[in-house]
N, C-alpha and C. Protein backbone atom coordinates (compact mmCIF):
# COMPACT_ATOMS: atom_id res chain seq x y z
N MET A 1 1.20 -1.23 -0.01
CA MET A 1 0.10 -0.04 -0.31
C MET A 1 0.79 1.07 -0.15
N LYS A 2 0.65 2.32 -0.95
CA LYS A 2 1.33 3.24 -1.15
C LYS A 2 0.95 4.51 0.05
N THR A 3 2.06 4.85 0.78
CA THR A 3 1.97 5.88 1.66
C THR A 3 2.62 7.18 1.26
N ASN A 4 2.18 8.47 1.71
CA ASN A 4 3.10 9.83 1.40
C ASN A 4 3.46 10.14 3.21
N HIS A 5 4.40 10.78 2.98
CA HIS A 5 5.13 11.55 4.26
C HIS A 5 4.23 12.88 4.09
N VAL A 6 4.15 13.25 5.24
CA VAL A 6 3.50 14.59 5.49
C VAL A 6 3.87 15.35 6.78
N HIS A 7 4.52 16.57 6.76
CA HIS A 7 4.80 17.37 8.10
C HIS A 7 4.01 18.69 8.13
N PHE A 8 3.33 18.76 9.15
CA PHE A 8 2.34 20.13 9.48
C PHE A 8 2.51 20.23 10.84
N THR A 9 1.70 21.11 11.35
CA THR A 9 1.65 21.79 12.93
C THR A 9 0.10 21.33 13.17
N LEU A 10 -0.20 20.80 14.19
CA LEU A 10 -1.58 20.56 14.51
C LEU A 10 -1.66 20.80 16.05
N ASN A 11 -2.44 21.94 16.23
CA ASN A 11 -2.75 22.76 17.48
C ASN A 11 -1.59 22.79 18.18
N GLY A 12 -0.58 23.44 17.38
CA GLY A 12 0.82 23.73 18.18
C GLY A 12 1.82 23.00 18.41
N GLU A 13 1.36 21.54 17.83
CA GLU A 13 2.65 20.63 17.94
C GLU A 13 2.88 20.07 16.49
N SER A 14 4.38 19.82 16.68
CA SER A 14 4.91 19.39 15.21
C SER A 14 4.30 18.27 14.79
N VAL A 15 3.79 17.69 13.57
CA VAL A 15 3.54 16.18 13.17
C VAL A 15 4.12 15.84 12.09
N GLU A 16 4.56 14.43 12.09
CA GLU A 16 5.10 13.85 10.74
C GLU A 16 4.43 12.66 10.71
N VAL A 17 3.74 12.31 9.53
CA VAL A 17 3.00 11.21 9.39
C VAL A 17 3.54 10.57 8.04
N SER A 18 3.15 9.28 8.01
CA SER A 18 3.22 8.37 6.71
C SER A 18 1.77 8.08 6.47
N ILE A 19 1.13 8.36 5.65
CA ILE A 19 -0.28 8.22 5.39
C ILE A 19 -0.67 7.63 4.02
N GLU A 20 -1.79 6.73 3.84
CA GLU A 20 -2.55 6.57 2.43
C GLU A 20 -2.76 8.35 1.97
N PRO A 21 -2.68 8.21 0.52
CA PRO A 21 -2.89 9.58 -0.01
C PRO A 21 -4.45 9.99 -0.46
N TRP A 22 -5.35 8.84 0.09
CA TRP A 22 -6.61 9.58 0.06
C TRP A 22 -7.17 9.93 1.05
N THR A 23 -6.55 9.71 2.29
CA THR A 23 -7.02 10.17 3.83
C THR A 23 -7.37 11.65 3.98
N THR A 24 -8.61 11.85 4.29
CA THR A 24 -9.00 13.35 4.64
C THR A 24 -8.55 13.81 5.77
N LEU A 25 -8.24 15.16 5.82
CA LEU A 25 -7.99 15.72 7.22
C LEU A 25 -9.05 15.39 8.51
N LEU A 26 -10.18 15.31 7.95
CA LEU A 26 -11.21 14.86 8.85
C LEU A 26 -11.13 13.66 9.42
N ASP A 27 -11.07 12.61 8.70
CA ASP A 27 -10.88 11.36 9.10
C ASP A 27 -9.28 11.00 9.83
N TYR A 28 -8.46 11.57 9.49
CA TYR A 28 -6.95 12.05 10.33
C TYR A 28 -7.25 12.39 11.77
N LEU A 29 -8.12 13.24 11.61
CA LEU A 29 -8.13 13.85 12.85
C LEU A 29 -9.22 13.28 14.05
N ARG A 30 -10.16 12.54 13.46
CA ARG A 30 -11.14 11.73 14.14
C ARG A 30 -10.43 10.38 14.60
N TYR A 31 -9.85 9.51 13.57
CA TYR A 31 -9.46 8.30 13.71
C TYR A 31 -8.12 7.86 13.92
N ASN A 32 -7.22 8.79 13.73
CA ASN A 32 -5.53 8.78 14.08
C ASN A 32 -5.33 9.45 15.38
N GLN A 33 -5.87 10.71 15.20
CA GLN A 33 -5.39 11.51 16.64
C GLN A 33 -6.57 11.71 17.61
N LYS A 34 -7.81 11.00 17.16
CA LYS A 34 -8.96 10.91 18.40
C LYS A 34 -9.12 12.49 18.85
N LEU A 35 -9.14 13.33 17.78
CA LEU A 35 -9.66 14.77 18.06
C LEU A 35 -11.03 14.85 17.62
N VAL A 36 -12.19 14.50 18.32
CA VAL A 36 -13.58 14.38 18.19
C VAL A 36 -14.18 15.58 18.08
N GLY A 37 -13.58 16.44 18.39
CA GLY A 37 -14.36 17.84 18.45
C GLY A 37 -14.85 18.28 16.94
N THR A 38 -13.81 17.95 15.88
CA THR A 38 -14.49 18.07 14.58
C THR A 38 -15.36 17.18 13.96
N LYS A 39 -16.49 17.64 13.79
CA LYS A 39 -17.74 16.70 13.44
C LYS A 39 -17.52 16.15 11.96
N LYS A 40 -18.26 14.87 11.61
CA LYS A 40 -18.31 14.32 10.38
C LYS A 40 -20.02 14.36 10.20
N GLY A 41 -20.36 15.28 9.35
CA GLY A 41 -21.93 15.58 8.97
C GLY A 41 -22.09 15.11 7.76
N CYS A 42 -21.96 15.98 6.74
CA CYS A 42 -22.32 15.18 5.44
C CYS A 42 -20.98 14.64 4.61
N ASP A 43 -20.27 15.03 4.99
CA ASP A 43 -18.68 14.18 4.20
C ASP A 43 -18.71 14.83 2.89
N HIS A 44 -19.54 15.75 2.67
CA HIS A 44 -19.48 16.42 1.21
C HIS A 44 -19.20 17.85 1.05
N GLY A 45 -18.71 18.57 2.14
CA GLY A 45 -18.57 19.91 2.31
C GLY A 45 -19.59 20.75 2.18
N GLN A 46 -20.85 20.26 2.40
CA GLN A 46 -21.89 21.05 2.60
C GLN A 46 -22.45 21.53 3.76
N CYS A 47 -22.13 21.08 5.13
CA CYS A 47 -22.65 21.30 6.02
C CYS A 47 -21.90 22.34 7.29
N GLY A 48 -20.71 22.20 7.03
CA GLY A 48 -19.64 23.11 7.76
C GLY A 48 -19.38 22.35 9.11
N ALA A 49 -19.77 21.32 9.44
CA ALA A 49 -19.63 20.78 10.62
C ALA A 49 -17.87 20.37 10.73
N CYS A 50 -17.24 20.04 10.06
CA CYS A 50 -15.91 19.77 9.94
C CYS A 50 -14.91 20.69 9.86
N THR A 51 -15.73 22.04 9.84
CA THR A 51 -14.47 23.33 9.75
C THR A 51 -13.75 23.35 10.40
N VAL A 52 -12.31 23.47 10.28
CA VAL A 52 -11.16 23.66 11.24
C VAL A 52 -10.44 24.90 10.31
N LEU A 53 -9.38 25.15 11.06
CA LEU A 53 -8.72 26.36 10.39
C LEU A 53 -7.24 25.88 10.04
N ILE A 54 -6.94 26.15 8.76
CA ILE A 54 -5.60 26.15 8.11
C ILE A 54 -4.95 27.26 7.79
N ASP A 55 -4.02 27.57 8.50
CA ASP A 55 -3.29 28.67 8.40
C ASP A 55 -4.07 30.00 8.61
N GLY A 56 -5.02 29.72 9.67
CA GLY A 56 -6.09 30.96 10.24
C GLY A 56 -7.24 31.01 9.10
N ASN A 57 -7.51 30.42 8.20
CA ASN A 57 -8.72 30.19 7.26
C ASN A 57 -9.72 29.13 7.24
N SER A 58 -10.73 29.26 7.53
CA SER A 58 -11.86 28.37 7.56
C SER A 58 -11.93 27.28 6.38
N VAL A 59 -11.84 25.92 6.55
CA VAL A 59 -11.62 24.72 5.74
C VAL A 59 -12.33 23.70 5.99
N ASN A 60 -13.23 23.15 5.16
CA ASN A 60 -14.12 21.81 5.49
C ASN A 60 -12.86 20.85 5.24
N SER A 61 -12.74 20.24 6.73
CA SER A 61 -12.01 18.97 6.59
C SER A 61 -12.25 17.69 5.71
N CYS A 62 -13.42 17.74 5.76
CA CYS A 62 -13.71 16.48 4.75
C CYS A 62 -13.44 16.64 3.35
N LEU A 63 -13.17 17.43 2.70
CA LEU A 63 -12.71 17.82 1.46
C LEU A 63 -11.18 18.02 1.38
N CYS A 64 -10.62 17.94 2.38
CA CYS A 64 -9.22 18.15 2.24
C CYS A 64 -8.26 17.08 2.57
N LEU A 65 -7.48 16.74 1.78
CA LEU A 65 -6.31 15.57 1.54
C LEU A 65 -5.36 15.98 2.55
N LEU A 66 -5.02 15.25 3.29
CA LEU A 66 -4.20 15.71 4.31
C LEU A 66 -2.71 15.62 3.53
N VAL A 67 -2.33 14.90 2.60
CA VAL A 67 -1.18 14.75 2.00
C VAL A 67 -1.00 16.36 1.53
N SER A 68 -1.90 17.20 1.23
CA SER A 68 -1.75 18.54 0.49
C SER A 68 -1.35 19.68 1.73
N LEU A 69 -1.34 19.20 2.84
CA LEU A 69 -1.09 20.25 4.19
C LEU A 69 0.00 20.36 4.37
N GLU A 70 1.35 19.74 3.67
CA GLU A 70 2.85 20.06 4.04
C GLU A 70 3.05 21.45 4.29
N GLY A 71 3.67 21.36 5.58
CA GLY A 71 3.89 23.01 5.94
C GLY A 71 2.94 23.69 6.79
N LYS A 72 1.66 23.31 6.61
CA LYS A 72 0.48 23.79 6.77
C LYS A 72 0.44 24.04 8.58
N GLU A 73 -0.32 25.33 9.07
CA GLU A 73 -0.69 25.35 10.61
C GLU A 73 -2.26 24.81 10.54
N ILE A 74 -2.46 23.86 11.43
CA ILE A 74 -4.01 23.34 11.27
C ILE A 74 -4.49 23.36 12.69
N THR A 75 -5.70 24.33 13.21
CA THR A 75 -6.35 24.44 14.35
C THR A 75 -7.26 23.85 14.62
N THR A 76 -8.03 23.05 15.39
CA THR A 76 -8.92 22.07 15.45
C THR A 76 -9.74 23.00 16.74
N ILE A 77 -10.86 22.65 17.24
CA ILE A 77 -11.47 23.19 18.25
C ILE A 77 -10.84 22.90 19.51
N GLU A 78 -10.26 21.61 19.75
CA GLU A 78 -9.42 21.33 20.66
C GLU A 78 -7.95 22.14 20.85
N GLY A 79 -7.55 22.78 19.90
CA GLY A 79 -6.45 23.69 19.80
C GLY A 79 -6.77 25.19 20.52
N LEU A 80 -8.10 25.52 20.46
CA LEU A 80 -8.50 26.87 20.70
C LEU A 80 -8.56 27.14 22.27
N GLY A 81 -8.68 26.19 23.14
CA GLY A 81 -8.91 26.32 24.61
C GLY A 81 -9.17 24.91 24.86
N THR A 82 -9.22 25.09 26.17
CA THR A 82 -9.49 23.68 27.16
C THR A 82 -10.53 24.01 27.85
N ALA A 83 -11.09 22.82 28.36
CA ALA A 83 -12.41 22.96 29.36
C ALA A 83 -12.10 23.71 30.44
N GLU A 84 -10.98 23.76 31.16
CA GLU A 84 -10.63 24.90 32.08
C GLU A 84 -10.42 26.23 31.63
N ASN A 85 -10.05 26.44 30.68
CA ASN A 85 -9.30 27.84 29.86
C ASN A 85 -10.02 28.14 28.40
N LEU A 86 -11.05 28.13 28.35
CA LEU A 86 -11.97 28.52 27.23
C LEU A 86 -11.12 29.46 26.55
N SER A 87 -11.16 29.48 25.17
CA SER A 87 -10.82 30.71 24.26
C SER A 87 -11.75 31.66 24.42
N THR A 88 -11.49 32.95 24.07
CA THR A 88 -12.25 34.07 24.01
C THR A 88 -13.77 33.55 23.03
N ALA A 89 -13.62 33.24 22.05
CA ALA A 89 -14.62 32.75 21.09
C ALA A 89 -15.33 31.54 21.60
N GLN A 90 -14.81 30.60 22.11
CA GLN A 90 -15.72 29.52 22.94
C GLN A 90 -16.39 30.01 24.07
N GLN A 91 -16.08 31.15 25.06
CA GLN A 91 -16.79 31.79 26.23
C GLN A 91 -17.78 32.49 25.49
N ILE A 92 -17.59 33.32 24.29
CA ILE A 92 -18.60 33.80 23.87
C ILE A 92 -19.77 33.41 23.35
N PHE A 93 -19.69 32.01 22.54
CA PHE A 93 -20.79 31.26 22.22
C PHE A 93 -21.43 30.69 23.42
N ILE A 94 -21.00 30.61 24.67
CA ILE A 94 -21.35 30.14 25.94
C ILE A 94 -22.25 31.07 26.30
N ASP A 95 -21.82 32.35 26.42
CA ASP A 95 -22.36 33.69 26.97
C ASP A 95 -23.56 33.82 26.03
N GLU A 96 -23.44 33.63 24.81
CA GLU A 96 -24.75 34.13 23.94
C GLU A 96 -25.80 33.12 23.66
N ASP A 97 -25.56 32.28 24.25
CA ASP A 97 -26.11 30.64 24.45
C ASP A 97 -26.41 30.21 22.85
N ALA A 98 -25.20 30.38 21.93
CA ALA A 98 -25.18 30.32 20.74
C ALA A 98 -24.93 28.63 20.17
N TYR A 99 -25.69 27.93 20.83
CA TYR A 99 -25.43 26.20 20.48
C TYR A 99 -26.85 25.86 21.08
N GLN A 100 -27.28 24.55 20.66
CA GLN A 100 -28.29 23.94 21.50
C GLN A 100 -27.87 22.47 21.74
N CYS A 101 -27.79 21.78 20.65
CA CYS A 101 -27.28 20.36 20.65
C CYS A 101 -25.77 20.37 20.86
N GLY A 102 -25.28 21.59 20.07
CA GLY A 102 -23.47 21.37 19.88
C GLY A 102 -22.91 20.98 18.90
N TYR A 103 -23.57 20.00 18.09
CA TYR A 103 -22.91 19.28 17.31
C TYR A 103 -22.31 20.34 15.96
N CYS A 104 -22.97 21.47 15.69
CA CYS A 104 -22.03 22.47 14.76
C CYS A 104 -21.34 23.48 15.55
N THR A 105 -21.32 23.46 16.68
CA THR A 105 -20.61 24.43 17.44
C THR A 105 -19.11 24.68 16.94
N PRO A 106 -18.54 23.56 17.06
CA PRO A 106 -16.75 23.78 16.84
C PRO A 106 -16.60 24.41 15.42
N GLY A 107 -17.24 24.08 14.42
CA GLY A 107 -17.55 24.30 13.16
C GLY A 107 -17.79 25.76 13.15
N GLN A 108 -18.68 26.20 13.63
CA GLN A 108 -19.16 27.72 13.83
C GLN A 108 -18.09 28.29 14.30
N ILE A 109 -17.83 27.98 15.44
CA ILE A 109 -16.36 28.96 16.11
C ILE A 109 -15.29 28.79 15.15
N CYS A 110 -14.74 27.87 14.50
CA CYS A 110 -13.78 27.92 13.83
C CYS A 110 -13.86 28.88 12.62
N SER A 111 -15.17 28.83 11.94
CA SER A 111 -15.59 29.74 10.96
C SER A 111 -15.48 31.46 11.31
N THR A 112 -16.24 31.57 12.60
CA THR A 112 -15.92 33.00 13.16
C THR A 112 -14.71 33.15 13.46
N ILE A 113 -13.85 32.44 13.69
CA ILE A 113 -12.34 33.17 14.19
C ILE A 113 -11.73 33.48 12.81
N ALA A 114 -11.97 32.46 11.65
CA ALA A 114 -11.33 32.81 10.30
C ALA A 114 -11.97 34.13 9.64
N MET A 115 -13.61 34.48 10.25
CA MET A 115 -14.09 35.99 9.70
C MET A 115 -13.26 36.87 10.35
N ARG A 116 -13.25 36.67 11.60
CA ARG A 116 -12.31 37.73 12.24
C ARG A 116 -10.94 37.94 11.85
N ASN A 117 -10.35 36.85 11.65
CA ASN A 117 -8.85 37.03 11.01
C ASN A 117 -8.77 37.52 9.60
N ARG A 118 -10.00 37.74 8.70
CA ARG A 118 -9.96 38.22 7.52
C ARG A 118 -10.41 39.59 7.52
N GLY A 119 -11.09 40.04 8.75
CA GLY A 119 -11.34 41.26 8.82
C GLY A 119 -12.35 41.71 7.69
N GLU A 120 -13.25 41.12 7.24
CA GLU A 120 -14.17 41.73 5.79
C GLU A 120 -15.32 42.02 6.19
N ILE A 121 -16.06 42.40 7.39
CA ILE A 121 -17.47 41.98 7.71
C ILE A 121 -17.55 43.72 8.05
N ASN A 122 -18.42 44.31 6.94
CA ASN A 122 -18.96 45.54 6.78
C ASN A 122 -20.67 45.87 6.97
N SER A 123 -21.42 44.66 7.38
CA SER A 123 -22.54 44.78 7.48
C SER A 123 -23.10 43.34 8.21
N GLU A 124 -24.31 43.52 8.75
CA GLU A 124 -24.87 42.14 9.48
C GLU A 124 -25.12 40.91 8.20
N GLU A 125 -25.28 41.66 6.90
CA GLU A 125 -25.59 40.74 5.81
C GLU A 125 -24.02 40.07 5.51
N ASP A 126 -23.16 40.96 5.54
CA ASP A 126 -21.45 40.11 5.47
C ASP A 126 -21.60 39.19 6.19
N LEU A 127 -21.92 39.44 7.92
CA LEU A 127 -21.83 38.30 8.69
C LEU A 127 -22.51 37.05 8.32
N LYS A 128 -23.72 37.27 7.72
CA LYS A 128 -24.55 36.25 7.58
C LYS A 128 -23.82 35.53 6.43
N ASP A 129 -23.70 35.96 5.41
CA ASP A 129 -22.97 35.43 4.42
C ASP A 129 -21.87 34.52 4.48
N TRP A 130 -21.00 35.11 5.65
CA TRP A 130 -19.75 34.26 5.79
C TRP A 130 -20.05 33.22 6.68
N MET A 131 -20.99 33.15 7.49
CA MET A 131 -21.75 31.89 8.41
C MET A 131 -22.43 31.26 7.59
N SER A 132 -22.84 31.30 6.27
CA SER A 132 -23.68 30.49 5.52
C SER A 132 -22.92 29.16 5.34
N GLY A 133 -22.08 28.95 5.35
CA GLY A 133 -21.34 27.73 5.20
C GLY A 133 -21.34 26.85 6.19
N ASN A 134 -22.01 26.98 7.38
CA ASN A 134 -22.12 26.30 8.48
C ASN A 134 -23.74 26.09 8.94
N LEU A 135 -23.95 25.06 8.90
CA LEU A 135 -25.73 24.73 8.96
C LEU A 135 -25.78 24.49 10.62
N CYS A 136 -27.12 24.52 10.87
CA CYS A 136 -27.43 24.39 12.41
C CYS A 136 -28.79 23.92 12.22
N ARG A 137 -28.80 22.55 12.37
CA ARG A 137 -30.20 21.76 12.29
C ARG A 137 -30.93 22.36 13.40
N CYS A 138 -30.62 23.01 14.63
CA CYS A 138 -31.31 23.14 15.69
C CYS A 138 -31.91 24.71 15.36
N ALA A 139 -31.42 25.16 14.32
CA ALA A 139 -31.81 26.68 13.96
C ALA A 139 -31.50 27.65 15.35
N ALA A 140 -30.51 27.71 15.66
CA ALA A 140 -29.86 28.48 16.63
C ALA A 140 -29.15 29.67 16.15
N TYR A 141 -29.51 30.07 15.19
CA TYR A 141 -28.86 31.06 13.78
C TYR A 141 -28.90 32.38 14.70
N LYS A 142 -29.97 32.93 15.12
CA LYS A 142 -30.09 34.32 15.75
C LYS A 142 -29.06 34.24 16.89
N ASN A 143 -28.64 33.29 17.80
CA ASN A 143 -27.54 33.48 18.50
C ASN A 143 -26.12 33.03 18.09
N ILE A 144 -26.33 32.51 17.33
CA ILE A 144 -24.94 32.23 16.73
C ILE A 144 -24.45 33.74 15.86
N THR A 145 -25.48 34.20 15.41
CA THR A 145 -25.16 35.81 14.74
C THR A 145 -24.35 36.56 15.52
N LYS A 146 -25.42 36.42 16.94
CA LYS A 146 -24.94 37.44 17.63
C LYS A 146 -23.49 37.14 18.41
N ALA A 147 -23.30 36.00 18.65
CA ALA A 147 -21.98 35.35 18.96
C ALA A 147 -20.89 35.96 18.06
N ALA A 148 -21.11 35.46 16.72
CA ALA A 148 -20.44 35.78 15.79
C ALA A 148 -20.04 37.59 15.75
N ARG A 149 -20.91 37.98 15.83
CA ARG A 149 -20.83 39.42 15.61
C ARG A 149 -19.90 40.09 17.19
N ARG A 150 -20.17 39.48 18.38
CA ARG A 150 -19.24 39.93 19.30
C ARG A 150 -17.80 39.24 18.97
N ILE A 151 -17.70 38.27 18.56
CA ILE A 151 -15.99 37.80 18.49
C ILE A 151 -15.74 38.54 17.43
N TYR A 152 -16.29 39.12 16.48
CA TYR A 152 -15.73 40.04 15.04
C TYR A 152 -15.15 41.49 15.94
N GLU A 153 -16.24 41.86 16.69
CA GLU A 153 -15.60 43.13 17.44
C GLU A 153 -14.87 43.27 18.45
N GLU A 154 -14.81 42.30 19.33
CA GLU A 154 -14.46 42.41 20.72
C GLU A 154 -12.80 41.68 20.50
N SER A 155 -12.73 40.89 19.60
CA SER A 155 -11.48 40.01 19.34
C SER A 155 -10.36 40.61 18.91
């Protein structure tokens, strides 16, 4: 079986692996690293549950082959904070009650951080457009939008 060697940074730690070339970042995170905060929803890039940060940009990890990430910096929800020391974005989502079941929350938070990193929000419509790649089956969009606005303005 052919494998490829790839080196990247995952949540601040240097990682080197030999992996099958068809392995997605999502599968690697969940099954090899046991980082299950990144969710497997549609597995087709449509729901945003698998969103992580790659070099500060939001990416659907189900569509990203691990071998394409040589030298990249990957941050998952687990890399943002801990249960004892939440990141500002995680705390704002709690403060704004921006979750119900919580399944989409890690992807929502990563997308919001990428939005803040890009600094391109000039209106409420821009914010909603940016977050449109993340679906919430519980329909907590009002509070998610409030949290995203706070993260953008306060961070």
